[in-house]
Amino acid sequence: METPHRVSTLELFFDLVFVFTITQLTVLLADDISFRGAGQVLVIFTVLFWMYGGYAHLTNQVPPDRTVRRVLLILAMGAFLVCALAVPTAFGAGGVAFGLGYVFVVLVHSALYTQAHGTGVLWFALPNLLCALSVLAAGFFDGPPAWGLWMLALLIQFVVPQLVQRVAASGAAPAEAASAAAVTTVSDQLGGMSAEHLVERHGLLLIIVFGESVIAIGIGTGSLPLSVGIAGGAFLALAIASALWWMYFVRDEGRAEEVFAETAPEKRFKLAMLAYYYAFLPMLLGIAAFAAGVKKTIGHLGEHLHTGPALALAGGVAVYLAGDLAFRAVLGIGPARFRAAAMLLALATVPLGAATAGLWQLLALVVVLLAALGAEARWAPAASAERAQAATGSG
């Protein structure tokens, strides 16, 4: 039986600092709602979230319960803060500062992991460092060369660890057997993570990111007087965020913990990568995009929206739902049809915002999400009943 492992307050503090990068990405997207701006946000956050996941797995196995570990984790927080401050100019004057901060994030991560695995960390520490050095190199260039180096960083990030694991799994020559065994052992150890801690850590991150959508309401109103229209628009924006919160925390989180608890420890690492990295990326980015749309909309609720803000509102919701559908598919949580329909209907509200007003698009998004939740409650109540029965049995 697993020893209970909860998220520490230092880890939560770490997450608060990391989420500042998402705040900065929201600012970047709100200032440039275009394919170029969206591309920069996607690339920057994909690189940053890779190392956030690395630290989530790290503290799952190497909890910050000693002074040296706490100090190193706080230093990593400082490096993430540097990255966050440089986000708005990461493809310009702040590129080198961003790269230096990211290199330091990787180095501290590797140093902390050596406390659990010794030199066996090299199989993933070296690719992470190569990725960070590519990001740093991008800071010295502009235009296509910079984009090329960012793409190289993503390629290293996604491909190299998979190749290393496959080489280790396929077996090596007799002379390399000892080295291959060491790599395989580290991979197995990385899989032996606490299901309780893993789900809780990412749930806390998600709830902090939801706070960004609430902050966006206040930033969007600025110094405008509080009118009935603005109050109504703020309520609708909060209702959308609440519906998205409901979909994960009421319908998915408990089941996710059950699935991870039922999964063999050595298989959890791969499952965690699929659920809490690949699927969580669009969920987090969707909230950031929605928040950017709210900032651009909340002060102009009675006006026709430009395509950018209308697409950020609807696209943010749709991207979140796409990630949630992927999350459910990975963990075998159903049904999918209601949320898939909501994703398509959310995108259909873009012309509404552009043709009428932002207020009506917000209202339409609320209706779409509430209808999806209502349909799940009406026609797919089995999952809720199972959780209620489990809760009663455990009580």
Protein backbone atom coordinates (compact mmCIF):
# COMPACT_ATOMS: atom_id res chain seq x y z
CA MET A 1 0.00 0.00 0.00
CA GLU A 2 1.29 3.47 -0.94
CA THR A 3 2.31 5.98 1.68
CA PRO A 4 0.10 9.11 1.44
CA HIS A 5 2.01 11.95 -0.19
CA ARG A 6 0.38 15.37 -0.28
CA VAL A 7 1.50 18.56 -1.98
CA SER A 8 3.65 20.75 0.28
CA THR A 9 3.18 24.50 0.74
CA LEU A 10 6.57 25.10 -0.93
CA GLU A 11 5.35 23.26 -4.03
CA LEU A 12 2.23 25.43 -4.05
CA PHE A 13 4.45 28.52 -3.69
CA PHE A 14 6.49 27.21 -6.65
CA ASP A 15 3.29 26.88 -8.69
CA LEU A 16 2.27 30.46 -7.91
CA VAL A 17 5.57 31.69 -9.31
CA PHE A 18 5.28 29.44 -12.37
CA VAL A 19 1.75 30.65 -13.11
CA PHE A 20 3.16 34.17 -13.47
CA THR A 21 4.57 32.90 -16.78
CA ILE A 22 0.99 32.17 -17.87
CA THR A 23 -0.06 35.67 -16.76
CA GLN A 24 2.71 37.09 -18.95
CA LEU A 25 1.68 34.88 -21.86
CA THR A 26 -1.88 36.17 -21.51
CA VAL A 27 -0.54 39.73 -21.69
CA LEU A 28 1.53 38.81 -24.76
CA LEU A 29 -1.50 37.30 -26.52
CA ALA A 30 -3.82 40.18 -25.54
CA ASP A 31 -1.33 42.65 -27.03
CA ASP A 32 -0.98 40.67 -30.24
CA ILE A 33 -4.01 38.50 -31.01
CA SER A 34 -2.69 37.15 -34.30
CA PHE A 35 -1.29 33.91 -35.67
CA ARG A 36 2.21 35.21 -34.91
CA GLY A 37 1.30 36.09 -31.31
CA ALA A 38 -0.51 32.79 -30.80
CA GLY A 39 2.47 30.91 -32.23
CA GLN A 40 4.87 32.61 -29.82
CA VAL A 41 2.61 31.84 -26.87
CA LEU A 42 2.30 28.20 -27.93
CA VAL A 43 6.05 27.68 -28.36
CA ILE A 44 7.08 29.51 -25.18
CA PHE A 45 4.55 27.78 -22.97
CA THR A 46 5.22 24.32 -24.43
CA VAL A 47 8.89 24.69 -23.54
CA LEU A 48 8.16 26.08 -20.05
CA PHE A 49 5.49 23.52 -19.20
CA TRP A 50 7.89 20.70 -20.05
CA MET A 51 10.09 21.73 -17.16
CA TYR A 52 7.13 22.43 -14.89
CA GLY A 53 6.15 18.80 -15.43
CA GLY A 54 9.74 17.85 -14.69
CA TYR A 55 9.55 19.60 -11.33
CA ALA A 56 6.13 18.08 -10.56
CA HIS A 57 7.59 14.60 -11.11
CA LEU A 58 10.70 15.60 -9.18
CA THR A 59 8.89 16.64 -6.00
CA ASN A 60 6.70 13.57 -6.32
CA GLN A 61 9.81 11.46 -5.77
CA VAL A 62 12.21 13.90 -4.09
CA PRO A 63 9.96 15.88 -1.70
CA PRO A 64 11.37 19.22 -0.48
CA ASP A 65 11.69 18.01 3.11
CA ARG A 66 15.33 18.96 3.64
CA THR A 67 17.03 22.36 3.76
CA VAL A 68 19.22 21.83 0.68
CA ARG A 69 16.24 20.68 -1.39
CA ARG A 70 14.14 23.65 -0.28
CA VAL A 71 16.91 26.11 -1.12
CA LEU A 72 17.44 24.57 -4.56
CA LEU A 73 13.70 24.64 -5.27
CA ILE A 74 13.53 28.32 -4.29
CA LEU A 75 16.45 29.03 -6.63
CA ALA A 76 14.51 27.30 -9.40
CA MET A 77 11.54 29.53 -8.58
CA GLY A 78 13.81 32.54 -9.07
CA ALA A 79 14.90 31.21 -12.46
CA PHE A 80 11.27 30.66 -13.52
CA LEU A 81 10.56 34.24 -12.42
CA VAL A 82 13.33 35.48 -14.72
CA CYS A 83 11.77 33.50 -17.57
CA ALA A 84 8.35 34.96 -16.78
CA LEU A 85 9.65 38.54 -16.73
CA ALA A 86 11.31 37.96 -20.11
CA VAL A 87 8.25 36.32 -21.75
CA PRO A 88 6.89 39.48 -23.48
CA THR A 89 10.24 39.97 -25.27
CA ALA A 90 11.39 36.34 -25.47
CA PHE A 91 11.50 36.64 -29.28
CA GLY A 92 13.36 39.93 -29.04
CA ALA A 93 15.49 41.83 -26.57
CA GLY A 94 14.64 39.51 -23.67
CA GLY A 95 15.55 36.29 -25.46
CA VAL A 96 18.97 35.88 -23.84
CA ALA A 97 17.60 36.57 -20.34
CA PHE A 98 14.84 34.04 -20.94
CA GLY A 99 17.37 31.46 -22.15
CA LEU A 100 19.70 31.97 -19.19
CA GLY A 101 16.81 31.59 -16.76
CA TYR A 102 15.69 28.42 -18.52
CA VAL A 103 19.20 26.92 -18.48
CA PHE A 104 19.33 27.51 -14.73
CA VAL A 105 15.88 25.89 -14.29
CA VAL A 106 17.20 22.77 -16.03
CA LEU A 107 20.44 22.65 -14.07
CA VAL A 108 18.69 22.89 -10.69
CA HIS A 109 16.21 20.20 -11.76
CA SER A 110 19.08 17.85 -12.66
CA ALA A 111 20.92 18.62 -9.40
CA LEU A 112 17.84 17.81 -7.33
CA TYR A 113 17.17 14.57 -9.21
CA THR A 114 20.67 13.28 -8.51
CA GLN A 115 19.58 12.92 -4.88
CA ALA A 116 17.23 10.12 -5.96
CA HIS A 117 18.99 8.60 -8.97
CA GLY A 118 22.62 9.71 -8.90
CA THR A 119 24.32 9.94 -12.30
CA GLY A 120 21.44 7.97 -13.84
CA VAL A 121 19.70 11.31 -14.43
CA LEU A 122 21.94 11.92 -17.45
CA TRP A 123 19.54 10.13 -19.81
CA PHE A 124 17.02 12.96 -19.42
CA ALA A 125 19.21 15.76 -17.98
CA LEU A 126 21.39 16.02 -21.10
CA PRO A 127 18.47 16.32 -23.56
CA ASN A 128 16.87 18.91 -21.25
CA LEU A 129 20.13 20.89 -21.23
CA LEU A 130 20.43 20.69 -25.02
CA CYS A 131 16.86 22.00 -25.27
CA ALA A 132 17.69 24.88 -22.90
CA LEU A 133 20.89 25.76 -24.80
CA SER A 134 18.88 25.87 -28.04
CA VAL A 135 16.45 28.33 -26.42
CA LEU A 136 19.40 30.39 -25.18
CA ALA A 137 20.96 30.43 -28.65
CA ALA A 138 17.64 31.63 -30.10
CA GLY A 139 17.98 34.76 -27.97
CA PHE A 140 20.94 35.89 -30.08
CA PHE A 141 18.93 35.86 -33.32
CA ASP A 142 15.79 37.40 -34.82
CA GLY A 143 13.28 36.15 -37.35
CA PRO A 144 13.55 32.69 -38.96
CA PRO A 145 16.83 31.69 -37.23
CA ALA A 146 15.27 32.33 -33.82
CA TRP A 147 12.14 30.38 -34.75
CA GLY A 148 14.31 27.57 -36.07
CA LEU A 149 16.18 27.26 -32.78
CA TRP A 150 12.92 27.28 -30.81
CA MET A 151 11.63 24.51 -33.07
CA LEU A 152 14.86 22.59 -32.49
CA ALA A 153 14.30 22.91 -28.74
CA LEU A 154 10.81 21.44 -29.14
CA LEU A 155 12.17 18.62 -31.30
CA ILE A 156 14.77 17.74 -28.68
CA GLN A 157 12.15 18.01 -25.96
CA PHE A 158 9.74 15.59 -27.59
CA VAL A 159 11.89 13.19 -29.58
CA VAL A 160 15.13 12.54 -27.71
CA PRO A 161 13.63 11.17 -24.44
CA GLN A 162 11.45 8.81 -26.47
CA LEU A 163 14.46 7.58 -28.43
CA VAL A 164 16.50 7.04 -25.28
CA GLN A 165 13.72 5.00 -23.68
CA ARG A 166 13.26 2.91 -26.83
CA VAL A 167 16.98 2.19 -27.10
CA ALA A 168 17.04 1.17 -23.45
CA ALA A 169 13.95 -1.00 -23.84
CA SER A 170 15.21 -2.76 -26.97
CA GLY A 171 18.40 -3.82 -25.23
CA ALA A 172 21.99 -2.98 -26.01
CA ALA A 173 25.09 -4.89 -26.97
CA PRO A 174 26.61 -7.07 -24.20
CA ALA A 175 29.36 -4.52 -23.61
CA GLU A 176 26.69 -1.85 -22.99
CA ALA A 177 24.44 -4.02 -20.85
CA ALA A 178 25.36 -2.33 -17.58
CA SER A 179 24.70 1.12 -18.98
CA ALA A 180 21.38 0.04 -20.52
CA ALA A 181 20.32 -1.52 -17.23
CA ALA A 182 21.03 1.75 -15.43
CA VAL A 183 18.89 3.69 -17.90
CA THR A 184 16.04 1.23 -17.63
CA THR A 185 16.21 1.34 -13.85
CA VAL A 186 15.93 5.13 -13.82
CA SER A 187 12.98 4.98 -16.20
CA ASP A 188 11.28 2.45 -13.95
CA GLN A 189 11.92 4.60 -10.89
CA LEU A 190 10.43 7.61 -12.64
CA GLY A 191 7.28 5.57 -13.13
CA GLY A 192 6.93 4.76 -9.43
CA MET A 193 5.18 7.99 -8.55
CA SER A 194 2.47 8.77 -6.01
CA ALA A 195 -0.92 8.92 -7.75
CA GLU A 196 -2.40 11.08 -5.00
CA HIS A 197 0.34 13.69 -5.20
CA LEU A 198 0.40 13.72 -9.01
CA VAL A 199 -3.32 14.46 -9.39
CA GLU A 200 -3.42 16.96 -6.54
CA ARG A 201 -0.39 18.88 -7.83
CA HIS A 202 -1.81 19.38 -11.30
CA GLY A 203 -5.26 20.16 -9.95
CA LEU A 204 -3.79 22.95 -7.82
CA LEU A 205 -1.95 24.31 -10.84
CA LEU A 206 -5.17 24.33 -12.86
CA ILE A 207 -7.13 26.16 -10.17
CA ILE A 208 -4.40 28.82 -9.92
CA VAL A 209 -4.52 29.28 -13.69
CA PHE A 210 -8.31 29.68 -13.48
CA GLY A 211 -7.56 32.63 -11.23
CA GLU A 212 -5.98 34.29 -14.28
CA SER A 213 -9.39 34.43 -15.97
CA VAL A 214 -10.81 36.18 -12.89
CA ILE A 215 -7.93 38.68 -12.81
CA ALA A 216 -8.54 39.32 -16.53
CA ILE A 217 -12.03 40.60 -15.68
CA GLY A 218 -10.59 43.26 -13.39
CA ILE A 219 -7.82 44.24 -15.81
CA GLY A 220 -10.29 44.46 -18.69
CA THR A 221 -12.58 46.87 -16.87
CA GLY A 222 -9.66 49.11 -15.93
CA SER A 223 -10.88 52.47 -14.61
CA LEU A 224 -14.32 52.21 -16.21
CA PRO A 225 -17.26 52.90 -13.86
CA LEU A 226 -19.09 49.79 -12.74
CA SER A 227 -22.28 49.72 -14.76
CA VAL A 228 -25.01 47.10 -14.96
CA GLY A 229 -23.63 45.98 -18.31
CA ILE A 230 -20.08 45.52 -17.05
CA ALA A 231 -21.30 43.71 -13.93
CA GLY A 232 -23.40 41.41 -16.12
CA GLY A 233 -20.49 40.75 -18.46
CA ALA A 234 -18.20 40.01 -15.52
CA PHE A 235 -20.76 37.55 -14.16
CA LEU A 236 -20.99 35.80 -17.54
CA ALA A 237 -17.18 35.54 -17.82
CA LEU A 238 -17.05 34.08 -14.32
CA ALA A 239 -19.85 31.66 -15.23
CA ILE A 240 -17.82 30.38 -18.21
CA ALA A 241 -14.74 29.87 -16.04
CA SER A 242 -16.89 28.14 -13.42
CA ALA A 243 -18.37 25.77 -15.99
CA LEU A 244 -14.89 24.84 -17.21
CA TRP A 245 -13.81 24.34 -13.57
CA TRP A 246 -16.84 22.08 -13.02
CA MET A 247 -15.98 19.89 -15.98
CA TYR A 248 -12.60 18.94 -14.54
CA PHE A 249 -12.89 19.20 -10.77
CA VAL A 250 -16.40 17.80 -10.33
CA ARG A 251 -16.48 15.32 -13.19
CA ASP A 252 -12.88 14.29 -13.93
CA GLU A 253 -10.40 14.80 -11.09
CA GLY A 254 -11.71 12.09 -8.74
CA ARG A 255 -11.87 9.54 -11.53
CA ALA A 256 -8.35 10.47 -12.65
CA GLU A 257 -6.95 9.71 -9.20
CA GLU A 258 -8.74 6.35 -9.23
CA VAL A 259 -7.24 5.47 -12.63
CA PHE A 260 -3.71 6.36 -11.53
CA ALA A 261 -4.14 4.46 -8.25
CA GLU A 262 -5.23 1.38 -10.22
CA THR A 263 -2.27 1.68 -12.63
CA ALA A 264 0.92 -0.22 -11.83
CA PRO A 265 3.51 2.22 -10.41
CA GLU A 266 6.04 1.49 -13.14
CA LYS A 267 3.46 2.44 -15.81
CA ARG A 268 2.36 5.73 -14.28
CA PHE A 269 5.11 7.86 -15.81
CA LYS A 270 3.94 7.25 -19.38
CA LEU A 271 0.30 7.73 -18.39
CA ALA A 272 1.20 10.95 -16.57
CA MET A 273 2.99 12.27 -19.66
CA LEU A 274 -0.08 11.66 -21.80
CA ALA A 275 -2.65 12.99 -19.33
CA TYR A 276 -0.83 15.73 -17.47
CA TYR A 277 1.48 17.03 -20.15
CA TYR A 278 0.11 16.49 -23.66
CA ALA A 279 -3.56 16.80 -22.67
CA PHE A 280 -3.02 19.46 -20.02
CA LEU A 281 -1.15 21.76 -22.41
CA PRO A 282 -4.28 22.73 -24.40
CA MET A 283 -6.34 22.98 -21.22
CA LEU A 284 -3.97 25.52 -19.68
CA LEU A 285 -3.45 27.38 -22.96
CA GLY A 286 -7.21 27.47 -23.47
CA ILE A 287 -7.71 29.26 -20.16
CA ALA A 288 -4.95 31.73 -21.06
CA ALA A 289 -6.53 32.43 -24.46
CA PHE A 290 -9.97 32.87 -22.90
CA ALA A 291 -8.50 35.29 -20.33
CA ALA A 292 -6.90 37.31 -23.15
CA GLY A 293 -10.28 37.48 -24.89
CA VAL A 294 -11.97 38.61 -21.68
CA LYS A 295 -9.43 41.43 -21.26
CA LYS A 296 -10.24 42.69 -24.75
CA THR A 297 -14.00 42.25 -24.41
CA ILE A 298 -15.13 43.16 -20.91
CA GLY A 299 -14.75 46.92 -21.44
CA HIS A 300 -16.52 46.86 -24.84
CA LEU A 301 -19.44 44.53 -24.21
CA GLY A 302 -21.92 46.47 -26.30
CA GLU A 303 -19.65 46.72 -29.34
CA HIS A 304 -18.99 44.44 -32.27
CA LEU A 305 -15.91 42.39 -31.50
CA HIS A 306 -12.94 42.20 -33.83
CA THR A 307 -12.16 38.72 -35.06
CA GLY A 308 -9.16 38.38 -32.71
CA PRO A 309 -10.99 38.89 -29.37
CA ALA A 310 -14.01 36.88 -30.56
CA LEU A 311 -11.73 34.02 -31.58
CA ALA A 312 -9.77 34.23 -28.30
CA LEU A 313 -12.99 33.87 -26.28
CA ALA A 314 -14.45 30.99 -28.26
CA GLY A 315 -11.13 29.43 -29.21
CA GLY A 316 -9.96 29.46 -25.62
CA VAL A 317 -13.04 27.52 -24.52
CA ALA A 318 -12.76 25.14 -27.49
CA VAL A 319 -9.05 24.46 -26.93
CA TYR A 320 -9.70 23.77 -23.24
CA LEU A 321 -12.45 21.31 -24.18
CA ALA A 322 -10.19 19.65 -26.76
CA GLY A 323 -7.56 19.12 -24.07
CA ASP A 324 -10.16 17.83 -21.65
CA LEU A 325 -11.43 15.37 -24.26
CA ALA A 326 -7.86 14.15 -24.78
CA PHE A 327 -7.41 13.86 -21.00
CA ARG A 328 -10.58 11.78 -20.74
CA ALA A 329 -9.60 9.58 -23.68
CA VAL A 330 -6.19 8.81 -22.16
CA LEU A 331 -7.72 7.83 -18.81
CA GLY A 332 -10.80 6.10 -20.24
CA ILE A 333 -13.28 8.58 -18.78
CA GLY A 334 -16.52 9.09 -20.69
CA PRO A 335 -18.69 10.10 -22.33
CA ALA A 336 -17.13 12.39 -24.94
CA ARG A 337 -20.04 13.35 -27.18
CA PHE A 338 -21.45 16.21 -25.12
CA ARG A 339 -18.12 17.98 -24.67
CA ALA A 340 -17.20 17.41 -28.33
CA ALA A 341 -20.48 19.07 -29.33
CA ALA A 342 -19.81 21.93 -26.90
CA MET A 343 -16.35 22.42 -28.44
CA LEU A 344 -17.83 22.84 -31.92
CA LEU A 345 -20.68 25.05 -30.73
CA ALA A 346 -18.22 27.26 -28.84
CA LEU A 347 -16.33 27.94 -32.07
CA ALA A 348 -19.65 28.74 -33.75
CA THR A 349 -20.05 31.75 -31.43
CA VAL A 350 -17.22 33.66 -33.16
CA PRO A 351 -19.49 35.11 -35.88
CA LEU A 352 -22.02 36.02 -33.19
CA GLY A 353 -19.53 38.17 -31.31
CA ALA A 354 -18.31 39.79 -34.52
CA ALA A 355 -21.81 40.44 -35.87
CA THR A 356 -23.58 41.54 -32.67
CA ALA A 357 -21.65 42.26 -29.45
CA GLY A 358 -19.29 40.67 -26.98
CA LEU A 359 -22.04 40.42 -24.38
CA TRP A 360 -24.05 38.09 -26.58
CA GLN A 361 -21.06 35.90 -27.33
CA LEU A 362 -20.34 35.52 -23.61
CA LEU A 363 -23.99 34.61 -23.02
CA ALA A 364 -23.91 32.07 -25.85
CA LEU A 365 -20.79 30.42 -24.41
CA VAL A 366 -22.48 30.16 -21.01
CA VAL A 367 -25.50 28.49 -22.60
CA VAL A 368 -23.33 26.03 -24.55
CA LEU A 369 -21.32 24.96 -21.50
CA LEU A 370 -24.31 24.69 -19.17
CA ALA A 371 -26.17 22.66 -21.80
CA ALA A 372 -23.22 20.24 -22.04
CA LEU A 373 -23.05 19.84 -18.27
CA GLY A 374 -26.81 19.41 -18.07
CA ALA A 375 -26.77 16.78 -20.82
CA GLU A 376 -24.05 14.84 -19.00
CA ALA A 377 -26.02 14.96 -15.75
CA ARG A 378 -29.19 13.85 -17.54
CA TRP A 379 -27.92 11.19 -19.94
CA ALA A 380 -24.61 10.10 -18.38
CA PRO A 381 -25.24 10.03 -14.64
CA ALA A 382 -23.43 6.73 -14.06
CA ALA A 383 -20.04 8.29 -13.31
CA SER A 384 -21.56 10.67 -10.77
CA ALA A 385 -23.48 7.84 -9.13
CA GLU A 386 -20.35 5.71 -8.87
CA ARG A 387 -18.41 8.53 -7.20
CA ALA A 388 -21.26 9.20 -4.78
CA GLN A 389 -21.43 5.52 -3.89
CA ALA A 390 -17.65 5.39 -3.39
CA ALA A 391 -17.77 8.46 -1.17
CA THR A 392 -20.55 6.92 0.92
CA GLY A 393 -18.67 3.65 1.22
CA SER A 394 -15.45 5.34 2.30
CA GLY A 395 -17.32 7.40 4.89
